Amino acid sequence: ALCSRVFVVGGQCNYLARCRAEGGVATLCMVPPSEWRLPEMERWRPQQLQRLLDVAQRALLDGAARMHMADKVKLVRKERAVGVLYEAEKHRTELHRTTTLMLDELAVHARQAVREEQRTNAALRSMPFCAFNGG
């Protein structure tokens, strides 16, 4: 009974899984988006969502290039999220303060770019978003 009340949200809220007990073993089963997405989320037009993701992606990659990090980050694009992973070999086990500040700057740059796009494109103004350094 307890297992059925456990949920796992992943991928910047792109996925939801429910715990199920089967034969004494707990497993995670994906919950279809139609069961958990808010009606507002279902009304988002794919082309509008892609536009916001394109703007954020461009800002992340441009910012990484500006800070000479382009060869140190890997772009990750999901259905409703975009981000970069820092992959420089010497920082795999310990993220230095400078690197953290640079990743913070990338998040701020992406946030500003998306806000500007929403300011100039009325169709995108109602779409919520977040930008953060998840490192």
C-alpha atoms as a PDB file:
ATOM      1  CA  ALA A   1       0.000   0.000   0.000  1.00  0.00           C
ATOM      2  CA  LEU A   2       2.804   2.394   0.851  1.00  0.00           C
ATOM      3  CA  CYS A   3       4.625   1.687  -2.405  1.00  0.00           C
ATOM      4  CA  SER A   4       1.647   2.866  -4.488  1.00  0.00           C
ATOM      5  CA  ARG A   5       1.940   6.303  -2.874  1.00  0.00           C
ATOM      6  CA  VAL A   6       5.547   6.788  -3.995  1.00  0.00           C
ATOM      7  CA  PHE A   7       6.130   8.818  -7.166  1.00  0.00           C
ATOM      8  CA  VAL A   8       9.342   9.885  -8.870  1.00  0.00           C
ATOM      9  CA  VAL A   9       9.530  13.064 -10.947  1.00  0.00           C
ATOM     10  CA  GLY A  10      12.458  13.280 -13.325  1.00  0.00           C
ATOM     11  CA  GLY A  11      13.949  15.047 -16.288  1.00  0.00           C
ATOM     12  CA  GLN A  12      13.089  18.591 -15.208  1.00  0.00           C
ATOM     13  CA  CYS A  13       9.495  17.475 -14.649  1.00  0.00           C
ATOM     14  CA  ASN A  14       9.280  15.799 -18.055  1.00  0.00           C
ATOM     15  CA  TYR A  15       8.548  12.375 -16.573  1.00  0.00           C
ATOM     16  CA  LEU A  16       6.513  10.885 -13.731  1.00  0.00           C
ATOM     17  CA  ALA A  17       6.833   7.326 -12.476  1.00  0.00           C
ATOM     18  CA  ARG A  18       4.743   5.471  -9.906  1.00  0.00           C
ATOM     19  CA  CYS A  19       6.046   2.747  -7.633  1.00  0.00           C
ATOM     20  CA  ARG A  20       4.342  -0.624  -7.895  1.00  0.00           C
ATOM     21  CA  ALA A  21       4.897  -3.716  -5.803  1.00  0.00           C
ATOM     22  CA  GLU A  22       4.924  -6.845  -7.958  1.00  0.00           C
ATOM     23  CA  GLY A  23       5.766 -10.149  -6.314  1.00  0.00           C
ATOM     24  CA  GLY A  24       7.391  -8.415  -3.376  1.00  0.00           C
ATOM     25  CA  VAL A  25       9.621  -6.320  -5.663  1.00  0.00           C
ATOM     26  CA  ALA A  26       9.145  -2.574  -6.048  1.00  0.00           C
ATOM     27  CA  THR A  27       9.312  -1.321  -9.638  1.00  0.00           C
ATOM     28  CA  LEU A  28       8.782   2.052 -11.248  1.00  0.00           C
ATOM     29  CA  CYS A  29       6.166   2.381 -13.985  1.00  0.00           C
ATOM     30  CA  MET A  30       5.878   5.459 -16.177  1.00  0.00           C
ATOM     31  CA  VAL A  31       2.651   7.435 -15.775  1.00  0.00           C
ATOM     32  CA  PRO A  32       1.264   8.689 -19.105  1.00  0.00           C
ATOM     33  CA  PRO A  33       1.517  12.506 -19.408  1.00  0.00           C
ATOM     34  CA  SER A  34      -2.236  12.739 -19.994  1.00  0.00           C
ATOM     35  CA  GLU A  35      -2.730  11.563 -16.401  1.00  0.00           C
ATOM     36  CA  TRP A  36      -0.542  14.158 -14.698  1.00  0.00           C
ATOM     37  CA  ARG A  37      -0.034  17.194 -16.916  1.00  0.00           C
ATOM     38  CA  LEU A  38      -2.145  20.185 -16.033  1.00  0.00           C
ATOM     39  CA  PRO A  39      -4.766  21.281 -18.588  1.00  0.00           C
ATOM     40  CA  GLU A  40      -2.745  24.473 -19.078  1.00  0.00           C
ATOM     41  CA  MET A  41       0.290  22.414 -20.066  1.00  0.00           C
ATOM     42  CA  GLU A  42      -1.747  20.432 -22.572  1.00  0.00           C
ATOM     43  CA  ARG A  43      -2.819  23.694 -24.241  1.00  0.00           C
ATOM     44  CA  TRP A  44       0.759  24.740 -25.007  1.00  0.00           C
ATOM     45  CA  ARG A  45       1.302  24.643 -28.740  1.00  0.00           C
ATOM     46  CA  PRO A  46       4.277  22.510 -29.760  1.00  0.00           C
ATOM     47  CA  GLN A  47       5.678  25.244 -32.025  1.00  0.00           C
ATOM     48  CA  GLN A  48       5.545  27.775 -29.160  1.00  0.00           C
ATOM     49  CA  LEU A  49       7.253  25.382 -26.780  1.00  0.00           C
ATOM     50  CA  GLN A  50       9.924  24.595 -29.381  1.00  0.00           C
ATOM     51  CA  ARG A  51      10.474  28.326 -29.933  1.00  0.00           C
ATOM     52  CA  LEU A  52      11.174  28.893 -26.226  1.00  0.00           C
ATOM     53  CA  LEU A  53      13.499  25.891 -26.122  1.00  0.00           C
ATOM     54  CA  ASP A  54      15.301  27.105 -29.259  1.00  0.00           C
ATOM     55  CA  VAL A  55      15.864  30.530 -27.681  1.00  0.00           C
ATOM     56  CA  ALA A  56      17.162  28.995 -24.444  1.00  0.00           C
ATOM     57  CA  GLN A  57      19.387  26.565 -26.356  1.00  0.00           C
ATOM     58  CA  ARG A  58      20.896  29.328 -28.460  1.00  0.00           C
ATOM     59  CA  ALA A  59      21.546  31.411 -25.338  1.00  0.00           C
ATOM     60  CA  LEU A  60      23.234  28.490 -23.567  1.00  0.00           C
ATOM     61  CA  LEU A  61      25.473  27.655 -26.508  1.00  0.00           C
ATOM     62  CA  ASP A  62      26.293  31.300 -27.293  1.00  0.00           C
ATOM     63  CA  GLY A  63      27.106  31.932 -23.637  1.00  0.00           C
ATOM     64  CA  ALA A  64      29.306  28.843 -23.456  1.00  0.00           C
ATOM     65  CA  ALA A  65      31.192  29.994 -26.569  1.00  0.00           C
ATOM     66  CA  ARG A  66      31.575  33.525 -25.167  1.00  0.00           C
ATOM     67  CA  MET A  67      33.116  32.096 -21.984  1.00  0.00           C
ATOM     68  CA  HIS A  68      35.361  29.677 -23.933  1.00  0.00           C
ATOM     69  CA  MET A  69      33.428  26.686 -22.553  1.00  0.00           C
ATOM     70  CA  ALA A  70      31.921  25.387 -25.801  1.00  0.00           C
ATOM     71  CA  ASP A  71      34.195  22.355 -25.837  1.00  0.00           C
ATOM     72  CA  LYS A  72      33.459  21.642 -22.163  1.00  0.00           C
ATOM     73  CA  VAL A  73      29.666  21.436 -22.270  1.00  0.00           C
ATOM     74  CA  LYS A  74      27.279  18.927 -23.810  1.00  0.00           C
ATOM     75  CA  LEU A  75      23.823  20.037 -24.902  1.00  0.00           C
ATOM     76  CA  VAL A  76      20.872  18.006 -23.609  1.00  0.00           C
ATOM     77  CA  ARG A  77      17.494  18.639 -25.222  1.00  0.00           C
ATOM     78  CA  LYS A  78      14.309  16.982 -24.026  1.00  0.00           C
ATOM     79  CA  GLU A  79      10.674  17.332 -24.992  1.00  0.00           C
ATOM     80  CA  ARG A  80      10.127  20.234 -22.594  1.00  0.00           C
ATOM     81  CA  ALA A  81      13.607  21.109 -21.363  1.00  0.00           C
ATOM     82  CA  VAL A  82      17.042  22.097 -22.598  1.00  0.00           C
ATOM     83  CA  GLY A  83      20.314  22.343 -20.731  1.00  0.00           C
ATOM     84  CA  VAL A  84      24.037  21.780 -20.770  1.00  0.00           C
ATOM     85  CA  LEU A  85      26.186  19.341 -18.850  1.00  0.00           C
ATOM     86  CA  TYR A  86      29.692  20.380 -17.884  1.00  0.00           C
ATOM     87  CA  GLU A  87      32.037  17.647 -19.073  1.00  0.00           C
ATOM     88  CA  ALA A  88      35.602  18.910 -18.747  1.00  0.00           C
ATOM     89  CA  GLU A  89      37.733  15.996 -17.603  1.00  0.00           C
ATOM     90  CA  LYS A  90      39.584  17.716 -14.770  1.00  0.00           C
ATOM     91  CA  HIS A  91      36.336  18.844 -13.140  1.00  0.00           C
ATOM     92  CA  ARG A  92      34.395  15.563 -13.243  1.00  0.00           C
ATOM     93  CA  THR A  93      34.844  14.831  -9.548  1.00  0.00           C
ATOM     94  CA  GLU A  94      35.017  18.361  -8.179  1.00  0.00           C
ATOM     95  CA  LEU A  95      33.268  21.378  -9.608  1.00  0.00           C
ATOM     96  CA  HIS A  96      35.449  24.413  -8.956  1.00  0.00           C
ATOM     97  CA  ARG A  97      33.926  27.694  -7.803  1.00  0.00           C
ATOM     98  CA  THR A  98      34.819  29.411 -11.081  1.00  0.00           C
ATOM     99  CA  THR A  99      33.031  26.703 -13.058  1.00  0.00           C
ATOM    100  CA  THR A 100      29.960  27.018 -10.845  1.00  0.00           C
ATOM    101  CA  LEU A 101      29.887  30.779 -11.423  1.00  0.00           C
ATOM    102  CA  MET A 102      30.181  30.270 -15.165  1.00  0.00           C
ATOM    103  CA  LEU A 103      27.282  27.790 -15.150  1.00  0.00           C
ATOM    104  CA  ASP A 104      25.268  30.272 -13.076  1.00  0.00           C
ATOM    105  CA  GLU A 105      25.994  32.884 -15.735  1.00  0.00           C
ATOM    106  CA  LEU A 106      24.764  30.533 -18.464  1.00  0.00           C
ATOM    107  CA  ALA A 107      21.476  30.057 -16.583  1.00  0.00           C
ATOM    108  CA  VAL A 108      21.055  33.819 -16.157  1.00  0.00           C
ATOM    109  CA  HIS A 109      21.836  34.387 -19.831  1.00  0.00           C
ATOM    110  CA  ALA A 110      19.236  31.786 -20.883  1.00  0.00           C
ATOM    111  CA  ARG A 111      16.651  33.280 -18.509  1.00  0.00           C
ATOM    112  CA  GLN A 112      17.191  36.769 -19.938  1.00  0.00           C
ATOM    113  CA  ALA A 113      16.941  35.508 -23.518  1.00  0.00           C
ATOM    114  CA  VAL A 114      13.670  33.672 -22.859  1.00  0.00           C
ATOM    115  CA  ARG A 115      12.195  36.676 -21.024  1.00  0.00           C
ATOM    116  CA  GLU A 116      13.122  38.943 -23.932  1.00  0.00           C
ATOM    117  CA  GLU A 117      11.519  36.517 -26.392  1.00  0.00           C
ATOM    118  CA  GLN A 118       8.358  36.449 -24.272  1.00  0.00           C
ATOM    119  CA  ARG A 119       8.350  40.257 -24.103  1.00  0.00           C
ATOM    120  CA  THR A 120       8.413  40.530 -27.892  1.00  0.00           C
ATOM    121  CA  ASN A 121       6.198  37.520 -28.710  1.00  0.00           C
ATOM    122  CA  ALA A 122       2.719  37.750 -27.153  1.00  0.00           C
ATOM    123  CA  ALA A 123       1.919  34.085 -27.898  1.00  0.00           C
ATOM    124  CA  LEU A 124       4.729  32.993 -25.553  1.00  0.00           C
ATOM    125  CA  ARG A 125       3.994  35.280 -22.592  1.00  0.00           C
ATOM    126  CA  SER A 126       1.798  32.849 -20.704  1.00  0.00           C
ATOM    127  CA  MET A 127       4.271  29.960 -20.847  1.00  0.00           C
ATOM    128  CA  PRO A 128       6.068  29.490 -17.528  1.00  0.00           C
ATOM    129  CA  PHE A 129       9.732  28.506 -17.504  1.00  0.00           C
ATOM    130  CA  CYS A 130      12.659  28.229 -15.162  1.00  0.00           C
ATOM    131  CA  ALA A 131      16.394  28.528 -15.688  1.00  0.00           C
ATOM    132  CA  PHE A 132      18.855  27.315 -13.081  1.00  0.00           C
ATOM    133  CA  ASN A 133      22.275  25.817 -12.476  1.00  0.00           C
ATOM    134  CA  GLY A 134      21.416  22.304 -11.421  1.00  0.00           C
ATOM    135  CA  GLY A 135      25.058  21.355 -10.910  1.00  0.00           C
END
